[in-house]
N, C-alpha and C. Protein backbone atom coordinates (compact mmCIF):
# COMPACT_ATOMS: atom_id res chain seq x y z
N LEU A 1 60.44 111.08 48.40
CA LEU A 1 59.66 110.20 47.64
C LEU A 1 58.55 110.95 46.89
N LEU A 2 58.00 111.97 47.48
CA LEU A 2 56.91 112.64 46.82
C LEU A 2 57.33 113.51 45.69
N THR A 3 58.60 113.81 45.60
CA THR A 3 59.08 114.66 44.51
C THR A 3 59.39 113.91 43.15
N ILE A 4 59.52 112.63 43.29
CA ILE A 4 59.92 111.83 42.05
C ILE A 4 58.91 111.95 40.96
N PRO A 5 57.62 111.92 41.13
CA PRO A 5 56.69 112.06 39.95
C PRO A 5 56.80 113.38 39.31
N SER A 6 57.17 114.47 39.90
CA SER A 6 57.34 115.78 39.26
C SER A 6 58.71 116.27 39.62
N LEU A 7 59.68 115.50 39.44
CA LEU A 7 61.10 115.81 39.87
C LEU A 7 61.53 117.10 39.20
N ASP A 8 61.26 117.26 37.86
CA ASP A 8 61.83 118.52 37.16
C ASP A 8 61.46 119.81 37.97
N VAL A 9 60.17 119.80 38.26
CA VAL A 9 59.75 121.03 38.97
C VAL A 9 60.37 121.27 40.36
N TRP A 10 60.51 120.21 41.11
CA TRP A 10 61.14 120.31 42.46
C TRP A 10 62.67 120.57 42.20
N VAL A 11 63.38 120.04 41.32
CA VAL A 11 64.78 120.36 41.09
C VAL A 11 64.87 121.81 40.64
N ARG A 12 64.04 122.33 39.78
CA ARG A 12 64.10 123.69 39.38
C ARG A 12 63.91 124.61 40.62
N ASP A 13 63.02 124.26 41.48
CA ASP A 13 62.68 125.21 42.57
C ASP A 13 63.63 125.03 43.78
N TYR A 14 64.13 123.79 43.99
CA TYR A 14 64.84 123.54 45.24
C TYR A 14 66.19 122.91 45.08
N GLY A 15 66.64 122.66 43.84
CA GLY A 15 67.99 122.16 43.63
C GLY A 15 69.07 123.30 43.72
N LEU A 16 70.28 122.90 43.99
CA LEU A 16 71.33 123.85 44.14
C LEU A 16 71.72 124.26 42.79
N LEU A 17 71.77 125.55 42.60
CA LEU A 17 72.29 126.19 41.32
C LEU A 17 73.54 126.95 41.50
N PRO A 18 74.66 126.33 41.07
CA PRO A 18 76.00 126.91 41.35
C PRO A 18 76.05 128.41 40.88
N ALA A 19 75.46 128.78 39.83
CA ALA A 19 75.48 130.19 39.36
C ALA A 19 74.69 131.14 40.37
N ASP A 20 73.91 130.60 41.24
CA ASP A 20 73.11 131.39 42.20
C ASP A 20 72.97 130.52 43.40
N PRO A 21 74.02 130.31 44.16
CA PRO A 21 74.00 129.33 45.33
C PRO A 21 73.18 129.83 46.50
N LEU A 22 72.97 131.13 46.68
CA LEU A 22 72.26 131.66 47.70
C LEU A 22 70.78 131.93 47.32
N ARG A 23 70.37 131.40 46.28
CA ARG A 23 68.96 131.51 45.86
C ARG A 23 68.05 131.08 47.01
N SER A 24 66.87 131.71 47.06
CA SER A 24 65.95 131.36 48.19
C SER A 24 66.58 131.59 49.53
N GLY A 25 67.53 132.48 49.66
CA GLY A 25 68.07 132.83 50.97
C GLY A 25 69.11 131.71 51.35
N GLY A 26 69.59 130.99 50.45
CA GLY A 26 70.57 129.84 50.75
C GLY A 26 69.81 128.61 51.01
N LEU A 27 68.55 128.52 51.09
CA LEU A 27 67.76 127.37 51.38
C LEU A 27 68.08 126.16 50.50
N THR A 28 68.39 126.45 49.25
CA THR A 28 68.71 125.29 48.38
C THR A 28 69.93 124.49 48.66
N LEU A 29 70.76 125.20 49.48
CA LEU A 29 71.99 124.38 49.97
C LEU A 29 71.55 123.25 50.79
N LEU A 30 70.41 123.36 51.50
CA LEU A 30 69.88 122.20 52.29
C LEU A 30 68.80 121.33 51.58
N THR A 31 67.96 122.06 50.87
CA THR A 31 66.81 121.29 50.16
C THR A 31 67.36 120.41 49.03
N SER A 32 68.52 120.71 48.37
CA SER A 32 69.06 119.92 47.36
C SER A 32 69.56 118.64 47.90
N PHE A 33 69.89 118.55 49.21
CA PHE A 33 70.29 117.30 49.94
C PHE A 33 69.17 116.21 49.81
N PHE A 34 67.92 116.73 49.99
CA PHE A 34 66.79 115.75 50.03
C PHE A 34 66.27 115.34 48.70
N LEU A 35 66.67 116.07 47.57
CA LEU A 35 66.17 115.68 46.27
C LEU A 35 67.14 114.66 45.59
N HIS A 36 66.54 113.73 44.90
CA HIS A 36 67.36 112.70 44.20
C HIS A 36 66.83 112.46 42.77
N GLY A 37 67.66 112.13 41.92
CA GLY A 37 67.29 112.04 40.51
C GLY A 37 66.61 110.75 40.08
N GLY A 38 65.80 110.11 41.01
CA GLY A 38 65.05 109.01 40.76
C GLY A 38 65.22 107.97 41.85
N TRP A 39 64.62 106.82 41.58
CA TRP A 39 64.65 105.71 42.66
C TRP A 39 66.04 105.20 42.86
N LEU A 40 66.76 104.95 41.80
CA LEU A 40 68.10 104.31 41.92
C LEU A 40 69.05 105.31 42.72
N HIS A 41 68.96 106.51 42.37
CA HIS A 41 69.84 107.48 43.12
C HIS A 41 69.47 107.58 44.54
N LEU A 42 68.17 107.51 44.82
CA LEU A 42 67.64 107.62 46.25
C LEU A 42 68.11 106.26 47.03
N LEU A 43 67.80 105.19 46.38
CA LEU A 43 68.11 103.90 47.01
C LEU A 43 69.59 103.70 47.26
N GLY A 44 70.41 104.14 46.31
CA GLY A 44 71.87 104.07 46.46
C GLY A 44 72.38 104.82 47.64
N ASN A 45 71.91 106.09 47.75
CA ASN A 45 72.31 106.97 48.89
C ASN A 45 71.78 106.38 50.11
N LEU A 46 70.51 105.93 50.17
CA LEU A 46 70.04 105.31 51.45
C LEU A 46 70.83 104.09 51.85
N TYR A 47 71.21 103.31 50.83
CA TYR A 47 72.02 102.07 51.16
C TYR A 47 73.32 102.42 51.84
N PHE A 48 74.08 103.39 51.26
CA PHE A 48 75.37 103.78 51.88
C PHE A 48 75.16 104.50 53.21
N LEU A 49 74.13 105.30 53.34
CA LEU A 49 73.83 105.92 54.62
C LEU A 49 73.56 104.87 55.76
N ILE A 50 72.81 103.83 55.38
CA ILE A 50 72.48 102.83 56.38
C ILE A 50 73.67 101.92 56.71
N VAL A 51 74.43 101.54 55.66
CA VAL A 51 75.57 100.61 55.84
C VAL A 51 76.63 101.31 56.73
N PHE A 52 77.04 102.57 56.41
CA PHE A 52 78.10 103.20 57.09
C PHE A 52 77.56 104.06 58.18
N GLY A 53 76.40 104.75 58.02
CA GLY A 53 75.87 105.66 58.98
C GLY A 53 75.61 105.12 60.37
N ASP A 54 75.10 103.95 60.42
CA ASP A 54 74.75 103.42 61.78
C ASP A 54 75.90 103.27 62.70
N ASN A 55 77.04 102.81 62.10
CA ASN A 55 78.24 102.63 62.88
C ASN A 55 78.83 104.02 63.32
N VAL A 56 78.93 104.94 62.43
CA VAL A 56 79.40 106.27 62.74
C VAL A 56 78.56 106.93 63.73
N GLU A 57 77.16 106.81 63.61
CA GLU A 57 76.24 107.39 64.61
C GLU A 57 76.48 106.81 65.94
N ASP A 58 76.63 105.51 66.02
CA ASP A 58 76.95 104.79 67.32
C ASP A 58 78.27 105.36 67.91
N PHE A 59 79.19 105.50 67.07
CA PHE A 59 80.55 106.01 67.46
C PHE A 59 80.61 107.45 68.04
N LEU A 60 79.84 108.33 67.32
CA LEU A 60 79.86 109.73 67.61
C LEU A 60 78.75 110.22 68.47
N GLY A 61 77.66 109.49 68.47
CA GLY A 61 76.41 110.00 69.04
C GLY A 61 75.54 110.76 68.07
N HIS A 62 74.31 110.99 68.36
CA HIS A 62 73.37 111.47 67.49
C HIS A 62 73.73 112.92 67.01
N SER A 63 74.01 113.81 68.02
CA SER A 63 74.27 115.23 67.65
C SER A 63 75.53 115.40 66.82
N ARG A 64 76.62 114.73 67.16
CA ARG A 64 77.82 114.89 66.35
C ARG A 64 77.75 114.19 64.99
N TYR A 65 76.98 113.15 64.94
CA TYR A 65 76.76 112.48 63.66
C TYR A 65 76.03 113.41 62.76
N LEU A 66 74.94 114.06 63.24
CA LEU A 66 74.12 115.00 62.35
C LEU A 66 74.96 116.16 62.07
N LEU A 67 75.81 116.70 62.90
CA LEU A 67 76.70 117.76 62.50
C LEU A 67 77.67 117.39 61.44
N LEU A 68 78.27 116.21 61.51
CA LEU A 68 79.14 115.71 60.51
C LEU A 68 78.44 115.59 59.20
N LEU A 69 77.17 115.12 59.12
CA LEU A 69 76.47 114.88 57.94
C LEU A 69 76.12 116.27 57.31
N VAL A 70 75.73 117.20 58.13
CA VAL A 70 75.32 118.51 57.58
C VAL A 70 76.55 119.26 57.05
N LEU A 71 77.61 119.31 57.85
CA LEU A 71 78.88 119.99 57.46
C LEU A 71 79.38 119.37 56.15
N ALA A 72 79.46 118.09 56.13
CA ALA A 72 79.95 117.37 54.88
C ALA A 72 79.10 117.73 53.64
N ALA A 73 77.79 117.78 53.85
CA ALA A 73 76.96 118.13 52.71
C ALA A 73 77.17 119.54 52.30
N LEU A 74 77.35 120.48 53.25
CA LEU A 74 77.58 121.88 52.84
C LEU A 74 78.88 122.11 52.19
N VAL A 75 79.93 121.42 52.70
CA VAL A 75 81.29 121.49 52.11
C VAL A 75 81.26 120.91 50.78
N GLY A 76 80.56 119.75 50.57
CA GLY A 76 80.43 119.16 49.28
C GLY A 76 79.81 120.07 48.34
N ASP A 77 78.70 120.74 48.82
CA ASP A 77 78.01 121.78 47.90
C ASP A 77 79.02 122.90 47.56
N ALA A 78 79.76 123.43 48.48
CA ALA A 78 80.72 124.43 48.23
C ALA A 78 81.81 124.00 47.25
N ALA A 79 82.26 122.80 47.38
CA ALA A 79 83.31 122.28 46.47
C ALA A 79 82.64 122.21 45.03
N HIS A 80 81.41 121.72 44.96
CA HIS A 80 80.76 121.65 43.64
C HIS A 80 80.60 123.01 43.06
N ILE A 81 80.20 123.98 43.82
CA ILE A 81 80.14 125.31 43.28
C ILE A 81 81.43 125.86 42.83
N ALA A 82 82.47 125.64 43.62
CA ALA A 82 83.75 126.18 43.28
C ALA A 82 84.33 125.51 42.03
N SER A 83 83.90 124.28 41.74
CA SER A 83 84.41 123.61 40.56
C SER A 83 83.79 124.14 39.27
N ASP A 84 82.65 124.79 39.31
CA ASP A 84 82.00 125.42 38.19
C ASP A 84 81.02 126.43 38.61
N PRO A 85 81.55 127.56 39.04
CA PRO A 85 80.64 128.58 39.59
C PRO A 85 79.64 129.29 38.73
N GLU A 86 79.84 129.08 37.39
CA GLU A 86 78.91 129.74 36.45
C GLU A 86 77.88 128.78 35.90
N SER A 87 77.93 127.52 36.48
CA SER A 87 77.02 126.48 35.92
C SER A 87 75.50 126.87 36.21
N ILE A 88 74.66 126.60 35.25
CA ILE A 88 73.22 126.74 35.44
C ILE A 88 72.51 125.44 35.52
N ARG A 89 73.22 124.38 35.76
CA ARG A 89 72.80 123.06 35.92
C ARG A 89 72.57 122.77 37.37
N HIS A 90 71.40 122.32 37.74
CA HIS A 90 71.07 122.15 39.21
C HIS A 90 71.76 120.86 39.70
N ALA A 91 72.17 120.89 40.96
CA ALA A 91 72.80 119.84 41.58
C ALA A 91 71.93 119.36 42.71
N ILE A 92 71.74 118.04 42.87
CA ILE A 92 70.82 117.38 43.82
C ILE A 92 71.50 116.19 44.44
N GLY A 93 71.08 115.75 45.58
CA GLY A 93 71.56 114.52 46.17
C GLY A 93 72.27 114.69 47.56
N ALA A 94 72.44 113.63 48.23
CA ALA A 94 72.96 113.56 49.57
C ALA A 94 74.37 113.10 49.52
N SER A 95 75.03 112.92 48.41
CA SER A 95 76.24 112.18 48.34
C SER A 95 77.39 112.95 49.01
N GLY A 96 77.47 114.24 49.10
CA GLY A 96 78.49 115.04 49.73
C GLY A 96 78.47 114.68 51.27
N GLY A 97 77.30 114.68 51.83
CA GLY A 97 77.18 114.39 53.21
C GLY A 97 77.47 112.95 53.45
N ILE A 98 77.04 112.06 52.66
CA ILE A 98 77.31 110.65 52.90
C ILE A 98 78.76 110.34 52.73
N SER A 99 79.46 111.00 51.83
CA SER A 99 80.92 110.89 51.61
C SER A 99 81.62 111.23 52.90
N GLY A 100 81.16 112.19 53.65
CA GLY A 100 81.83 112.59 54.85
C GLY A 100 81.66 111.41 55.93
N ILE A 101 80.44 110.76 55.89
CA ILE A 101 80.21 109.58 56.75
C ILE A 101 81.07 108.44 56.38
N ILE A 102 81.24 108.16 55.02
CA ILE A 102 82.06 107.06 54.57
C ILE A 102 83.54 107.31 54.96
N ALA A 103 84.08 108.52 54.81
CA ALA A 103 85.42 108.80 55.14
C ALA A 103 85.66 108.61 56.63
N PHE A 104 84.81 109.12 57.47
CA PHE A 104 84.87 108.85 58.84
C PHE A 104 84.93 107.37 59.21
N TYR A 105 83.92 106.72 58.60
CA TYR A 105 83.85 105.19 58.87
C TYR A 105 85.19 104.51 58.48
N ALA A 106 85.71 104.79 57.30
CA ALA A 106 86.98 104.15 56.89
C ALA A 106 88.15 104.39 57.86
N LEU A 107 88.18 105.61 58.50
CA LEU A 107 89.25 105.90 59.50
C LEU A 107 88.92 105.35 60.81
N ALA A 108 87.61 105.25 61.24
CA ALA A 108 87.23 104.75 62.49
C ALA A 108 87.29 103.17 62.62
N PHE A 109 87.00 102.59 61.47
CA PHE A 109 86.92 101.09 61.37
C PHE A 109 87.75 100.58 60.17
N PRO A 110 89.00 100.84 60.06
CA PRO A 110 89.79 100.51 58.99
C PRO A 110 89.93 99.02 58.63
N ARG A 111 89.81 98.21 59.68
CA ARG A 111 89.96 96.80 59.44
C ARG A 111 88.64 96.13 59.14
N ASN A 112 87.49 96.69 59.31
CA ASN A 112 86.23 96.11 58.96
C ASN A 112 86.22 95.60 57.57
N GLN A 113 85.68 94.48 57.26
CA GLN A 113 85.62 93.97 55.90
C GLN A 113 84.40 94.51 55.21
N ILE A 114 84.67 94.95 53.96
CA ILE A 114 83.58 95.51 53.02
C ILE A 114 83.44 94.60 51.94
N GLY A 115 82.18 94.19 51.61
CA GLY A 115 81.80 93.41 50.46
C GLY A 115 81.37 94.34 49.36
N ILE A 116 81.98 94.18 48.20
CA ILE A 116 81.57 95.04 47.06
C ILE A 116 81.15 94.15 45.95
N CYS A 117 79.90 94.50 45.42
CA CYS A 117 79.37 93.70 44.42
C CYS A 117 79.64 94.32 43.07
N LEU A 118 80.36 93.72 42.22
CA LEU A 118 80.73 94.34 40.87
C LEU A 118 80.03 93.54 39.79
N PRO A 119 79.48 94.24 38.89
CA PRO A 119 78.85 93.59 37.75
C PRO A 119 79.87 92.96 36.82
N PHE A 120 79.58 91.89 36.26
CA PHE A 120 80.55 91.14 35.47
C PHE A 120 79.83 90.91 34.13
N PHE A 121 80.49 90.37 33.20
CA PHE A 121 79.86 90.02 31.87
C PHE A 121 78.63 89.31 32.02
N ARG A 122 77.63 89.53 31.14
CA ARG A 122 76.40 88.80 31.03
C ARG A 122 75.59 88.84 32.33
N PHE A 123 75.59 90.04 33.00
CA PHE A 123 74.80 90.24 34.19
C PHE A 123 75.21 89.31 35.36
N ARG A 124 76.41 88.75 35.41
CA ARG A 124 76.77 88.04 36.52
C ARG A 124 77.41 88.99 37.53
N LEU A 125 77.40 88.69 38.76
CA LEU A 125 77.91 89.45 39.85
C LEU A 125 79.09 88.82 40.39
N PHE A 126 80.09 89.68 40.74
CA PHE A 126 81.29 89.23 41.38
C PHE A 126 81.48 89.93 42.67
N TRP A 127 81.70 89.22 43.83
CA TRP A 127 81.82 89.80 45.09
C TRP A 127 83.36 89.96 45.44
N LEU A 128 83.71 91.16 45.77
CA LEU A 128 85.08 91.42 46.10
C LEU A 128 85.07 91.83 47.58
N ARG A 129 86.04 91.28 48.43
CA ARG A 129 86.07 91.66 49.83
C ARG A 129 87.36 92.37 50.12
N MET A 130 87.37 93.44 50.84
CA MET A 130 88.60 94.09 51.24
C MET A 130 88.28 94.87 52.55
N THR A 131 89.33 95.34 53.23
CA THR A 131 89.12 96.15 54.38
C THR A 131 88.61 97.54 54.01
N ALA A 132 87.96 98.12 55.01
CA ALA A 132 87.36 99.48 54.80
C ALA A 132 88.47 100.49 54.37
N LYS A 133 89.64 100.27 54.89
CA LYS A 133 90.80 101.27 54.47
C LYS A 133 91.06 101.12 52.98
N TRP A 134 91.19 99.90 52.51
CA TRP A 134 91.48 99.74 51.11
C TRP A 134 90.38 100.08 50.20
N ALA A 135 89.07 99.81 50.62
CA ALA A 135 87.98 100.15 49.88
C ALA A 135 87.88 101.66 49.75
N PHE A 136 88.21 102.30 50.83
CA PHE A 136 88.16 103.83 50.84
C PHE A 136 89.18 104.42 49.89
N LEU A 137 90.46 103.88 49.89
CA LEU A 137 91.45 104.31 49.08
C LEU A 137 91.08 104.08 47.60
N CYS A 138 90.40 103.03 47.25
CA CYS A 138 89.95 102.67 45.92
C CYS A 138 88.87 103.77 45.54
N TRP A 139 88.01 103.97 46.47
CA TRP A 139 86.84 104.94 46.31
C TRP A 139 87.42 106.33 46.00
N ILE A 140 88.43 106.73 46.81
CA ILE A 140 89.06 108.08 46.62
C ILE A 140 89.71 108.16 45.21
N ALA A 141 90.33 107.02 44.81
CA ALA A 141 90.96 107.12 43.38
C ALA A 141 89.86 107.22 42.39
N ILE A 142 88.78 106.54 42.51
CA ILE A 142 87.61 106.73 41.54
C ILE A 142 87.12 108.18 41.60
N GLN A 143 86.99 108.77 42.80
CA GLN A 143 86.49 110.11 42.87
C GLN A 143 87.38 111.11 42.24
N VAL A 144 88.74 110.91 42.46
CA VAL A 144 89.76 111.83 41.84
C VAL A 144 89.62 111.80 40.35
N PHE A 145 89.52 110.54 39.82
CA PHE A 145 89.39 110.32 38.34
C PHE A 145 88.16 111.02 37.87
N GLY A 146 87.04 110.75 38.62
CA GLY A 146 85.77 111.35 38.26
C GLY A 146 85.73 112.86 38.37
N GLY A 147 86.43 113.35 39.35
CA GLY A 147 86.55 114.79 39.43
C GLY A 147 87.32 115.42 38.29
N TRP A 148 88.38 114.75 37.89
CA TRP A 148 89.10 115.25 36.68
C TRP A 148 88.13 115.22 35.47
N ARG A 149 87.42 114.18 35.30
CA ARG A 149 86.52 114.16 34.22
C ARG A 149 85.42 115.21 34.33
N GLN A 150 84.89 115.49 35.51
CA GLN A 150 83.85 116.51 35.78
C GLN A 150 84.36 117.88 35.37
N VAL A 151 85.59 118.24 35.86
CA VAL A 151 86.10 119.54 35.49
C VAL A 151 86.48 119.68 33.97
N SER A 152 86.59 118.53 33.41
CA SER A 152 86.86 118.51 31.90
C SER A 152 85.51 118.53 31.09
N GLY A 153 84.46 118.52 31.80
CA GLY A 153 83.17 118.68 31.12
C GLY A 153 82.39 117.43 30.83
N PHE A 154 82.93 116.28 31.36
CA PHE A 154 82.21 114.97 31.15
C PHE A 154 81.49 114.58 32.37
N GLY A 155 80.40 113.80 32.19
CA GLY A 155 79.68 113.20 33.27
C GLY A 155 78.68 114.10 33.99
N HIS A 156 77.80 113.49 34.67
CA HIS A 156 76.73 114.21 35.38
C HIS A 156 76.73 113.98 36.92
N VAL A 157 77.82 113.29 37.37
CA VAL A 157 77.94 113.06 38.86
C VAL A 157 78.93 114.12 39.41
N SER A 158 78.66 114.70 40.51
CA SER A 158 79.59 115.61 41.11
C SER A 158 80.54 114.92 42.00
N HIS A 159 81.63 114.33 41.43
CA HIS A 159 82.69 113.74 42.15
C HIS A 159 83.34 114.80 43.07
N ILE A 160 83.46 116.04 42.61
CA ILE A 160 84.07 117.08 43.37
C ILE A 160 83.30 117.29 44.68
N ALA A 161 81.97 117.18 44.65
CA ALA A 161 81.10 117.23 45.93
C ALA A 161 81.52 116.04 46.87
N HIS A 162 81.67 114.90 46.22
CA HIS A 162 82.03 113.65 47.01
C HIS A 162 83.35 113.93 47.79
N LEU A 163 84.36 114.45 47.08
CA LEU A 163 85.63 114.76 47.64
C LEU A 163 85.59 115.82 48.70
N GLY A 164 84.71 116.86 48.44
CA GLY A 164 84.51 117.85 49.48
C GLY A 164 83.89 117.28 50.76
N GLY A 165 82.82 116.43 50.62
CA GLY A 165 82.26 115.90 51.77
C GLY A 165 83.15 115.01 52.47
N ALA A 166 83.95 114.19 51.70
CA ALA A 166 84.96 113.26 52.32
C ALA A 166 86.02 114.06 53.10
N SER A 167 86.41 115.18 52.60
CA SER A 167 87.32 115.97 53.39
C SER A 167 86.92 116.36 54.71
N VAL A 168 85.55 116.62 54.89
CA VAL A 168 84.98 116.86 56.17
C VAL A 168 85.06 115.69 57.12
N GLY A 169 84.82 114.48 56.51
CA GLY A 169 84.93 113.26 57.30
C GLY A 169 86.37 113.01 57.78
N LEU A 170 87.34 113.32 56.99
CA LEU A 170 88.71 113.16 57.31
C LEU A 170 89.10 114.21 58.44
N VAL A 171 88.76 115.43 58.25
CA VAL A 171 89.07 116.43 59.29
C VAL A 171 88.31 116.04 60.63
N ALA A 172 87.09 115.63 60.49
CA ALA A 172 86.39 115.34 61.72
C ALA A 172 87.05 114.15 62.47
N TRP A 173 87.51 113.17 61.67
CA TRP A 173 88.28 112.01 62.33
C TRP A 173 89.46 112.51 63.06
N PHE A 174 90.28 113.27 62.38
CA PHE A 174 91.55 113.75 62.99
C PHE A 174 91.14 114.74 64.27
N TRP A 175 90.17 115.48 64.12
CA TRP A 175 89.75 116.33 65.25
C TRP A 175 89.32 115.42 66.42
N TRP A 176 88.53 114.41 66.11
CA TRP A 176 88.18 113.50 67.21
C TRP A 176 89.39 112.83 67.82
N ARG A 177 90.27 112.44 67.00
CA ARG A 177 91.51 111.78 67.53
C ARG A 177 92.29 112.81 68.40
N PHE A 178 92.39 114.03 67.97
CA PHE A 178 93.02 115.08 68.83
C PHE A 178 92.38 115.17 70.11
N LEU A 179 91.04 115.26 70.14
CA LEU A 179 90.31 115.42 71.39
C LEU A 179 90.42 114.15 72.21
N ALA A 180 90.42 112.96 71.61
CA ALA A 180 90.63 111.68 72.33
C ALA A 180 92.03 111.68 73.02
N GLY A 181 93.06 112.26 72.31
CA GLY A 181 94.32 112.35 72.89
C GLY A 181 94.40 113.23 74.15
N ARG A 182 93.52 114.20 74.17
CA ARG A 182 93.47 115.09 75.30
C ARG A 182 92.43 114.59 76.37
N GLY A 183 91.77 113.44 76.05
CA GLY A 183 90.79 112.88 77.09
C GLY A 183 89.47 113.46 76.98
N GLU A 184 89.18 114.16 75.79
CA GLU A 184 87.93 114.87 75.59
C GLU A 184 87.02 114.15 74.58
N GLY A 185 87.58 113.36 73.70
CA GLY A 185 86.88 112.74 72.63
C GLY A 185 86.36 111.40 72.90
N ASN A 186 85.67 111.11 73.90
CA ASN A 186 85.31 109.73 74.31
C ASN A 186 84.06 109.31 73.54
N GLY A 187 84.08 109.43 72.29
CA GLY A 187 82.90 109.05 71.49
C GLY A 187 81.71 109.90 71.61
N LYS A 188 80.76 109.46 72.36
CA LYS A 188 79.48 110.29 72.45
C LYS A 188 79.66 111.31 73.50
């Protein structure tokens, strides 16, 4: 919140720079997670973190939840860097980590109903309801399309980071299922 009035300075000093990802001893891999491109970016990430994160945290416990969030953020950063390693444009936001939480949620609670508010003509809103599984599949399709646009040089959102973070959520879910099958993955 304190960075928003002088965001450009904070992003320059603490944002992730793909051309120099280990800048500041690699600290920017973590600090970029806490920087957001304004109120809407921050509130959007907080919204998804609250909606999906509380269920995943209850399911996994505090430590495993935090581990999932951090690993998803780091893999999202790595995917973003790999998509354009020469980029001198800073990357910020928590979306890679939150994408890991969303992926885990969709697999852990596939039948939960998700309400999606879509803007319609003349500022009218349209509510669409679907299961978490279908919402996640739609979200993945959007991210793949966005990732294609990103590597083609269009857009300012790192859909590749979203996909990288989501891959951690998927792996974590299957790992948890493997442990549960052995009697070791009893949630917390």
